[in-house]
């Protein structure tokens, strides 16, 4: 096998690979052995006809397709493992020459890692951030815990208010005819949740248990059921029960029940400490993101389309995995949102491009600054992964293998690049942010 590489525009390369005739003959024989059982030749039992007889009857090209695939897989795999190109996409294959007794020639057009020209990456400006936690912030956090520990109690002797849960029966009709999905029994409707059609919940406010209410609504033009779009509907609603949330009082007893502390004062101090640490971490991430984004803006790079396409597909796969973990298939998601695969890909593409540029910028800084990663650095990262996934360290190493360890090394190097960029960034007061602070 031999090959030549032609560099194309926009970080693309065209590789021409030649497989010698003897090697291609092996692929032809392999194709014959794979397919002969499916070919019938008069005078021979199925699968027993000689190759030459089959080629004479069906033409010598009868085995070309599989032979080409066998030859391409082996030859391109060998090229990929031994060449100096940094290939970042799947190859686009075209057969150039094929024939029995001849050299087999094909081309593989690939995207290669684009050249990056770094601009300023030292001294980039980032907004100065101050972490403050006020008493109102602490109380808001405690209110969330009170919400989590609330209980529903039945309300008597008053009408429905916002945030109440009304237990209702309802029957909906359009022009006097009931429609599918328009009936419910013992339905818990949270007033103000906007889970029903606009104005439905508003018409229940003030109503009491036992009342029957005529609720008039108009279905929106973009409603999912075609037959109801823009239609006026009447819902006959019966109020069966009214419930409200009762939050526990924020006192020492509450503090001792939801925390390790005996007093509300101690609990508040703990909440303030945790909230401060969280906001410090958020501010740190924001600073990192802003600094790296500035480096990306300052660099020059032209991304090959197949590279962006591959990254977009990877992000869609990640999105599908996240959805499945929440119990939803991506097909269901697209049906619910009215989205097509093409639209989803178009929406994801800018994010994919940004992710690639960030990665390339960090890799360029690693190279420019000669950032090194030691075995100790890698092992520390692997230990953190083991703790995160609650696995033994040896199991993590075994699962990753050499290729995985190499990727971890790249990730650690990129993290060091982020640290370098942030360390050398310059904090400045931003006028627009100051104005926002004053407004608050």
Protein backbone atom coordinates (compact mmCIF):
# COMPACT_ATOMS: atom_id res chain seq x y z
CA UNK A 1 0.00 0.00 0.00
CA UNK A 2 1.16 3.52 -0.71
CA UNK A 3 -0.50 6.90 -0.41
CA UNK A 4 -0.20 10.57 -1.29
CA UNK A 5 -1.69 13.53 0.58
CA UNK A 6 -3.02 16.66 -1.11
CA UNK A 7 -3.74 19.60 1.19
CA UNK A 8 -6.98 21.37 0.34
CA UNK A 9 -8.55 24.63 1.50
CA UNK A 10 -10.20 25.09 4.89
CA UNK A 11 -8.13 22.44 6.70
CA UNK A 12 -9.19 19.61 4.42
CA UNK A 13 -6.93 16.94 2.91
CA UNK A 14 -7.41 14.45 0.10
CA UNK A 15 -5.58 11.18 0.62
CA UNK A 16 -5.10 8.90 -2.39
CA UNK A 17 -4.42 5.32 -1.31
CA UNK A 18 -3.26 2.58 -3.67
CA UNK A 19 -3.74 -1.08 -2.74
CA UNK A 20 -1.59 -3.36 -4.89
CA UNK A 21 -3.27 -5.93 -7.13
CA UNK A 22 -2.24 -8.95 -5.04
CA UNK A 23 -3.72 -7.41 -1.91
CA UNK A 24 -6.92 -6.50 -3.72
CA UNK A 25 -7.15 -10.08 -4.99
CA UNK A 26 -7.27 -11.20 -1.35
CA UNK A 27 -10.20 -8.83 -0.81
CA UNK A 28 -11.93 -10.22 -3.92
CA UNK A 29 -11.54 -13.78 -2.64
CA UNK A 30 -12.88 -12.71 0.76
CA UNK A 31 -15.89 -11.14 -0.96
CA UNK A 32 -16.47 -14.35 -2.94
CA UNK A 33 -16.40 -16.48 0.22
CA UNK A 34 -18.87 -14.11 1.89
CA UNK A 35 -21.36 -13.99 -0.99
CA UNK A 36 -21.18 -17.37 -2.72
CA UNK A 37 -23.80 -18.94 -0.44
CA UNK A 38 -26.36 -16.47 -1.74
CA UNK A 39 -25.65 -17.02 -5.45
CA UNK A 40 -27.31 -19.71 -7.57
CA UNK A 41 -25.58 -21.12 -10.66
CA UNK A 42 -27.28 -23.84 -12.68
CA UNK A 43 -25.49 -27.19 -12.30
CA UNK A 44 -24.05 -26.36 -8.88
CA UNK A 45 -25.46 -26.64 -5.37
CA UNK A 46 -26.04 -23.28 -3.70
CA UNK A 47 -22.73 -21.97 -2.39
CA UNK A 48 -20.61 -24.45 -4.37
CA UNK A 49 -20.19 -22.59 -7.67
CA UNK A 50 -16.59 -21.62 -8.49
CA UNK A 51 -15.77 -17.93 -8.39
CA UNK A 52 -14.84 -17.78 -12.10
CA UNK A 53 -18.16 -19.35 -13.04
CA UNK A 54 -20.07 -16.77 -10.99
CA UNK A 55 -18.04 -13.90 -12.47
CA UNK A 56 -18.64 -15.22 -15.98
CA UNK A 57 -22.37 -15.44 -15.35
CA UNK A 58 -22.90 -12.18 -13.41
CA UNK A 59 -19.89 -10.14 -14.53
CA UNK A 60 -16.55 -9.64 -12.79
CA UNK A 61 -17.97 -6.71 -10.84
CA UNK A 62 -20.28 -8.97 -8.85
CA UNK A 63 -17.79 -9.04 -5.94
CA UNK A 64 -16.46 -5.48 -6.25
CA UNK A 65 -18.62 -3.80 -3.60
CA UNK A 66 -17.65 -6.00 -0.67
CA UNK A 67 -14.08 -6.37 -1.95
CA UNK A 68 -13.75 -2.58 -2.05
CA UNK A 69 -15.15 -2.28 1.48
CA UNK A 70 -12.72 -4.92 2.78
CA UNK A 71 -9.76 -3.25 1.07
CA UNK A 72 -10.77 0.26 2.18
CA UNK A 73 -11.29 -0.75 5.82
CA UNK A 74 -7.87 -2.37 6.03
CA UNK A 75 -5.92 0.18 4.00
CA UNK A 76 -7.48 3.29 5.54
CA UNK A 77 -7.11 1.79 9.02
CA UNK A 78 -3.41 1.22 8.38
CA UNK A 79 -3.02 4.75 7.01
CA UNK A 80 -4.91 6.29 9.95
CA UNK A 81 -2.70 4.51 12.50
CA UNK A 82 0.59 5.42 10.84
CA UNK A 83 0.22 8.88 9.26
CA UNK A 84 1.20 12.27 10.68
CA UNK A 85 -2.11 13.98 9.90
CA UNK A 86 -4.27 15.04 12.86
CA UNK A 87 -7.56 13.81 11.38
CA UNK A 88 -10.72 15.16 13.02
CA UNK A 89 -13.52 13.73 10.88
CA UNK A 90 -14.73 10.55 9.27
CA UNK A 91 -13.38 10.06 5.74
CA UNK A 92 -15.44 10.71 2.64
CA UNK A 93 -14.49 7.78 0.41
CA UNK A 94 -14.50 7.64 -3.38
CA UNK A 95 -13.26 4.73 -5.50
CA UNK A 96 -10.91 5.95 -8.23
CA UNK A 97 -9.82 2.70 -9.91
CA UNK A 98 -11.07 -0.86 -9.52
CA UNK A 99 -10.67 -3.97 -11.62
CA UNK A 100 -9.68 -7.59 -11.32
CA UNK A 101 -5.91 -8.02 -11.56
CA UNK A 102 -5.35 -4.26 -11.15
CA UNK A 103 -4.24 -2.02 -8.32
CA UNK A 104 -7.21 -0.72 -6.33
CA UNK A 105 -7.15 3.06 -5.86
CA UNK A 106 -9.45 5.14 -3.67
CA UNK A 107 -9.46 8.61 -2.14
CA UNK A 108 -10.34 9.63 1.40
CA UNK A 109 -11.20 13.29 1.95
CA UNK A 110 -10.80 14.24 5.60
CA UNK A 111 -10.80 17.27 7.85
CA UNK A 112 -7.56 17.87 9.72
CA UNK A 113 -6.99 19.85 12.87
CA UNK A 114 -6.96 23.49 11.75
CA UNK A 115 -4.07 25.82 12.36
CA UNK A 116 -4.67 28.24 15.22
CA UNK A 117 -3.13 31.68 15.44
CA UNK A 118 -3.34 32.89 19.01
CA UNK A 119 -3.98 36.56 19.64
CA UNK A 120 -3.61 38.06 23.11
CA UNK A 121 -4.08 35.38 25.74
CA UNK A 122 -2.14 37.02 28.57
CA UNK A 123 -3.69 40.01 30.24
CA UNK A 124 -7.21 39.59 28.88
CA UNK A 125 -9.74 41.71 30.75
CA UNK A 126 -12.40 40.18 32.97
CA UNK A 127 -15.04 41.80 35.12
CA UNK A 128 -14.21 42.20 38.78
CA UNK A 129 -16.62 40.16 40.84
CA UNK A 130 -17.52 40.60 44.49
CA UNK A 131 -19.24 37.80 46.35
CA UNK A 132 -21.80 39.11 48.80
CA UNK A 133 -24.42 37.19 50.74
CA UNK A 134 -27.10 39.32 52.38
CA UNK A 135 -29.61 38.36 55.07
CA UNK A 136 -32.34 38.29 52.41
CA UNK A 137 -30.33 35.71 50.45
CA UNK A 138 -30.05 33.48 53.51
CA UNK A 139 -33.77 33.81 54.24
CA UNK A 140 -34.58 32.92 50.62
CA UNK A 141 -32.52 29.73 50.92
CA UNK A 142 -34.25 28.83 54.16
CA UNK A 143 -37.64 29.50 52.55
CA UNK A 144 -36.76 26.91 49.90
CA UNK A 145 -36.18 24.35 52.66
CA UNK A 146 -39.46 25.39 54.28
CA UNK A 147 -41.19 24.80 50.92
CA UNK A 148 -39.64 21.34 50.73
CA UNK A 149 -40.95 20.56 54.20
CA UNK A 150 -44.40 22.05 53.70
CA UNK A 151 -47.64 20.09 53.99
CA UNK A 152 -50.96 20.46 52.25
CA UNK A 153 -53.92 21.34 54.45
CA UNK A 154 -57.59 21.56 53.55
CA UNK A 155 -59.03 25.08 53.45
CA UNK A 156 -62.56 25.81 54.63
CA UNK A 157 -64.77 28.90 54.75
CA UNK A 158 -63.00 30.88 52.02
CA UNK A 159 -62.67 31.04 48.28
CA UNK A 160 -59.77 29.96 46.08
CA UNK A 161 -56.64 32.12 46.13
CA UNK A 162 -53.49 32.18 44.02
CA UNK A 163 -51.11 29.30 44.87
CA UNK A 164 -53.97 27.20 46.27
CA UNK A 165 -54.52 23.72 44.89
CA UNK A 166 -58.12 23.26 43.77
CA UNK A 167 -59.41 19.70 43.46
CA UNK A 168 -61.86 19.85 40.56
CA UNK A 169 -64.04 17.83 38.22
CA UNK A 170 -64.47 19.32 34.76
CA UNK A 171 -66.15 18.59 31.46
CA UNK A 172 -65.22 20.61 28.38
CA UNK A 173 -67.26 21.11 25.23
CA UNK A 174 -67.11 23.04 21.96
CA UNK A 175 -70.46 24.07 20.46
CA UNK A 176 -72.15 21.79 22.99
CA UNK A 177 -70.13 18.72 21.99
CA UNK A 178 -67.66 17.18 24.44
CA UNK A 179 -64.17 16.64 23.05
CA UNK A 180 -61.44 14.10 23.72
CA UNK A 181 -59.17 15.02 26.62
CA UNK A 182 -61.59 17.65 27.90
CA UNK A 183 -62.82 15.70 30.93
CA UNK A 184 -61.16 15.29 34.32
CA UNK A 185 -62.06 14.01 37.76
CA UNK A 186 -60.41 14.92 41.08
CA UNK A 187 -57.82 16.93 39.19
CA UNK A 188 -55.39 18.89 41.43
CA UNK A 189 -55.00 22.29 39.75
CA UNK A 190 -52.45 24.70 41.21
CA UNK A 191 -53.84 28.20 40.76
CA UNK A 192 -51.22 30.36 39.08
CA UNK A 193 -49.33 27.43 37.56
CA UNK A 194 -50.70 28.24 34.07
CA UNK A 195 -50.95 24.51 33.41
CA UNK A 196 -54.38 24.98 31.82
CA UNK A 197 -55.48 27.26 28.99
CA UNK A 198 -55.08 31.00 29.59
CA UNK A 199 -57.81 32.52 31.82
CA UNK A 200 -59.04 29.10 33.01
CA UNK A 201 -57.46 29.39 36.45
CA UNK A 202 -58.36 33.08 36.84
CA UNK A 203 -62.07 32.26 36.61
CA UNK A 204 -61.80 29.93 39.62
CA UNK A 205 -60.33 32.53 41.97
CA UNK A 206 -62.80 33.35 44.77
CA UNK A 207 -64.95 30.26 44.18
CA UNK A 208 -65.76 27.99 47.13
CA UNK A 209 -66.10 24.26 47.68
CA UNK A 210 -69.32 22.90 46.20
CA UNK A 211 -69.71 25.65 43.62
CA UNK A 212 -70.23 24.79 39.97
CA UNK A 213 -68.54 27.23 37.61
CA UNK A 214 -68.89 27.83 33.88
CA UNK A 215 -65.40 28.60 32.59
CA UNK A 216 -65.20 30.10 29.11
CA UNK A 217 -61.88 29.96 27.28
CA UNK A 218 -60.48 30.19 23.76
CA UNK A 219 -57.92 27.65 22.61
CA UNK A 220 -54.80 29.31 21.18
CA UNK A 221 -54.13 29.13 17.46
CA UNK A 222 -50.92 27.18 18.15
CA UNK A 223 -52.72 24.53 20.25
CA UNK A 224 -51.43 21.01 19.57
CA UNK A 225 -54.87 19.50 18.78
CA UNK A 226 -55.76 20.63 15.27
CA UNK A 227 -59.52 20.39 15.80
CA UNK A 228 -59.40 22.77 18.81
CA UNK A 229 -57.14 25.52 17.45
CA UNK A 230 -58.76 28.93 17.92
CA UNK A 231 -62.04 27.40 19.15
CA UNK A 232 -64.13 28.79 22.01
CA UNK A 233 -64.86 26.19 24.69
CA UNK A 234 -67.01 25.89 27.79
CA UNK A 235 -65.80 23.95 30.82
CA UNK A 236 -68.30 23.02 33.51
CA UNK A 237 -66.18 22.87 36.66
CA UNK A 238 -67.09 21.59 40.13
CA UNK A 239 -64.95 22.74 43.08
CA UNK A 240 -64.56 19.67 45.32
CA UNK A 241 -61.79 20.73 47.69
CA UNK A 242 -59.35 23.58 48.29
CA UNK A 243 -55.88 22.96 49.68
CA UNK A 244 -53.01 25.25 50.57
CA UNK A 245 -49.39 24.81 51.52
CA UNK A 246 -48.56 25.23 55.18
CA UNK A 247 -44.91 26.06 55.69
CA UNK A 248 -43.17 25.25 58.97
CA UNK A 249 -42.23 28.26 61.06
CA UNK A 250 -38.58 29.24 60.82
CA UNK A 251 -37.53 28.74 64.43
CA UNK A 252 -35.15 26.65 66.54
CA UNK A 253 -37.38 23.58 66.28
CA UNK A 254 -37.40 23.80 62.49
CA UNK A 255 -33.61 24.26 62.42
CA UNK A 256 -33.04 21.17 64.56
CA UNK A 257 -35.33 19.09 62.34
CA UNK A 258 -33.70 19.99 59.02
CA UNK A 259 -30.07 20.36 60.09
CA UNK A 260 -27.46 19.31 62.62
CA UNK A 261 -27.88 22.59 64.50
CA UNK A 262 -29.98 23.28 67.57
CA UNK A 263 -30.78 26.92 66.93
CA UNK A 264 -32.00 28.95 63.97
CA UNK A 265 -29.07 31.34 64.43
CA UNK A 266 -26.54 28.51 64.00
CA UNK A 267 -28.47 27.14 61.03
CA UNK A 268 -28.52 30.57 59.35
CA UNK A 269 -24.77 30.90 59.85
CA UNK A 270 -24.26 27.51 58.19
CA UNK A 271 -26.54 28.43 55.29
CA UNK A 272 -24.66 31.70 54.81
CA UNK A 273 -21.33 29.87 54.76
CA UNK A 274 -22.57 27.30 52.20
CA UNK A 275 -24.15 30.00 50.05
CA UNK A 276 -20.96 32.05 50.14
CA UNK A 277 -18.88 29.06 49.02
CA UNK A 278 -21.34 28.30 46.25
CA UNK A 279 -21.28 31.87 44.97
CA UNK A 280 -17.50 31.94 45.13
CA UNK A 281 -17.42 28.82 42.96
CA UNK A 282 -19.95 30.36 40.57
CA UNK A 283 -17.89 33.55 40.36
CA UNK A 284 -14.77 31.48 39.70
CA UNK A 285 -16.46 29.62 36.83
CA UNK A 286 -17.83 32.88 35.40
CA UNK A 287 -14.37 34.42 35.51
CA UNK A 288 -12.87 31.35 33.80
CA UNK A 289 -15.53 31.38 31.10
CA UNK A 290 -15.12 35.09 30.46
CA UNK A 291 -11.33 34.87 30.28
CA UNK A 292 -11.33 31.86 27.95
CA UNK A 293 -14.02 33.46 25.76
CA UNK A 294 -11.76 36.50 25.37
CA UNK A 295 -8.87 34.27 24.26
CA UNK A 296 -11.17 32.57 21.75
CA UNK A 297 -12.30 35.96 20.41
CA UNK A 298 -8.67 37.03 20.00
CA UNK A 299 -7.52 33.95 18.08
CA UNK A 300 -7.81 33.24 14.37
CA UNK A 301 -8.96 29.85 13.11
CA UNK A 302 -11.03 28.49 10.24
CA UNK A 303 -12.98 25.38 11.16
CA UNK A 304 -13.52 22.68 8.53
CA UNK A 305 -17.20 21.93 8.05
CA UNK A 306 -16.91 18.16 8.73
CA UNK A 307 -15.29 18.93 12.09
CA UNK A 308 -18.25 21.10 13.13
CA UNK A 309 -20.65 18.50 11.75
CA UNK A 310 -19.03 15.72 13.80
CA UNK A 311 -19.07 17.83 16.97
CA UNK A 312 -22.72 18.73 16.38
CA UNK A 313 -23.65 15.07 16.03
CA UNK A 314 -21.74 14.33 19.23
CA UNK A 315 -23.67 17.04 21.09
CA UNK A 316 -26.98 15.73 19.78
CA UNK A 317 -26.03 12.27 21.03
CA UNK A 318 -25.19 13.74 24.45
CA UNK A 319 -28.52 15.58 24.46
CA UNK A 320 -30.36 12.35 23.58
CA UNK A 321 -28.57 10.53 26.42
CA UNK A 322 -29.55 13.24 28.92
CA UNK A 323 -33.16 13.04 27.75
CA UNK A 324 -33.21 9.25 28.10
CA UNK A 325 -31.94 9.56 31.67
CA UNK A 326 -35.04 11.68 32.31
CA UNK A 327 -37.25 9.01 30.76
CA UNK A 328 -37.80 10.67 27.39
CA UNK A 329 -36.66 9.58 23.94
CA UNK A 330 -35.31 12.26 21.62
CA UNK A 331 -38.03 11.38 19.08
CA UNK A 332 -40.66 12.17 21.73
CA UNK A 333 -38.94 15.47 22.49
CA UNK A 334 -38.95 16.50 18.85
CA UNK A 335 -42.58 15.51 18.46
CA UNK A 336 -43.58 17.55 21.53
CA UNK A 337 -41.62 20.61 20.42
CA UNK A 338 -42.49 20.28 16.74
CA UNK A 339 -38.79 20.17 15.93
CA UNK A 340 -37.16 18.23 13.10
CA UNK A 341 -33.70 16.59 13.19
CA UNK A 342 -32.49 19.23 10.71
CA UNK A 343 -33.71 22.11 12.91
CA UNK A 344 -32.15 20.54 16.01
CA UNK A 345 -28.85 20.19 14.18
CA UNK A 346 -29.01 23.81 13.01
CA UNK A 347 -29.64 24.97 16.58
CA UNK A 348 -26.79 22.87 17.97
CA UNK A 349 -24.20 23.87 15.35
CA UNK A 350 -23.21 27.27 16.88
CA UNK A 351 -22.68 25.60 20.27
CA UNK A 352 -20.60 22.89 18.63
CA UNK A 353 -18.48 25.51 16.86
CA UNK A 354 -17.95 27.38 20.13
CA UNK A 355 -16.96 24.17 21.91
CA UNK A 356 -14.40 23.31 19.22
CA UNK A 357 -12.91 26.82 19.27
CA UNK A 358 -12.58 26.72 23.05
CA UNK A 359 -10.82 23.37 22.89
CA UNK A 360 -8.47 24.55 20.14
CA UNK A 361 -7.66 27.77 22.01
CA UNK A 362 -6.74 25.88 25.17
CA UNK A 363 -4.64 23.37 23.24
CA UNK A 364 -2.82 26.27 21.57
CA UNK A 365 -2.07 27.85 24.95
CA UNK A 366 -0.80 24.49 26.23
CA UNK A 367 1.61 24.35 23.29
CA UNK A 368 2.62 28.02 23.47
CA UNK A 369 3.41 27.87 27.18
CA UNK A 370 4.89 24.38 27.16
CA UNK A 371 2.41 23.20 29.77
CA UNK A 372 3.27 19.70 30.97
CA UNK A 373 1.15 17.02 32.62
CA UNK A 374 2.78 14.55 35.00
CA UNK A 375 1.66 11.03 35.89
CA UNK A 376 0.84 12.45 39.32
CA UNK A 377 -1.52 14.99 37.70
CA UNK A 378 -3.26 12.24 35.74
CA UNK A 379 -3.58 9.95 38.77
CA UNK A 380 -5.11 12.79 40.80
CA UNK A 381 -7.71 13.34 38.06
CA UNK A 382 -8.43 9.61 37.91
CA UNK A 383 -8.90 9.50 41.70
CA UNK A 384 -11.45 12.30 41.43
CA UNK A 385 -13.24 10.37 38.68
CA UNK A 386 -13.23 7.22 40.83
CA UNK A 387 -14.78 9.14 43.74
CA UNK A 388 -17.37 10.75 41.47
CA UNK A 389 -18.49 7.43 39.97
CA UNK A 390 -17.97 5.52 43.23
CA UNK A 391 -15.62 3.06 41.56
CA UNK A 392 -12.29 1.57 42.55
CA UNK A 393 -9.33 3.41 41.01
CA UNK A 394 -8.04 0.26 39.29
CA UNK A 395 -11.45 -0.29 37.70
CA UNK A 396 -11.45 3.26 36.34
CA UNK A 397 -7.97 2.81 34.87
CA UNK A 398 -8.99 -0.51 33.34
CA UNK A 399 -12.16 0.97 31.82
CA UNK A 400 -10.28 3.91 30.29
CA UNK A 401 -7.32 2.00 28.90
CA UNK A 402 -4.36 3.75 27.27
CA UNK A 403 -6.51 5.86 24.93
CA UNK A 404 -8.68 7.02 27.82
CA UNK A 405 -5.65 7.91 29.92
CA UNK A 406 -4.29 9.94 27.01
CA UNK A 407 -7.58 11.86 26.81
CA UNK A 408 -7.48 12.50 30.56
CA UNK A 409 -3.98 13.92 30.11
CA UNK A 410 -5.31 16.32 27.44
CA UNK A 411 -8.17 17.36 29.72
CA UNK A 412 -5.77 18.05 32.59
CA UNK A 413 -3.52 20.08 30.27
CA UNK A 414 -6.51 22.15 29.15
CA UNK A 415 -7.48 22.78 32.79
CA UNK A 416 -3.96 24.01 33.43
CA UNK A 417 -4.30 26.29 30.41
CA UNK A 418 -7.50 27.74 31.90
CA UNK A 419 -5.69 28.34 35.20
CA UNK A 420 -2.85 30.06 33.33
CA UNK A 421 -5.23 32.32 31.39
CA UNK A 422 -7.16 33.29 34.55
CA UNK A 423 -3.98 33.86 36.56
CA UNK A 424 -2.75 36.28 33.90
CA UNK A 425 -6.11 37.99 33.37
CA UNK A 426 -6.69 41.58 34.48
CA UNK A 427 -9.74 42.37 36.59
CA UNK A 428 -11.50 45.60 35.67
CA UNK A 429 -14.61 47.39 36.81
CA UNK A 430 -17.27 47.22 34.10
CA UNK A 431 -19.46 50.32 33.85
CA UNK A 432 -22.56 48.41 32.79
CA UNK A 433 -22.21 45.98 35.67
CA UNK A 434 -21.78 48.83 38.12
CA UNK A 435 -24.98 50.38 36.80
CA UNK A 436 -26.79 47.11 37.33
CA UNK A 437 -25.53 46.95 40.91
CA UNK A 438 -26.79 50.47 41.57
CA UNK A 439 -30.17 49.59 40.10
CA UNK A 440 -30.41 46.70 42.52
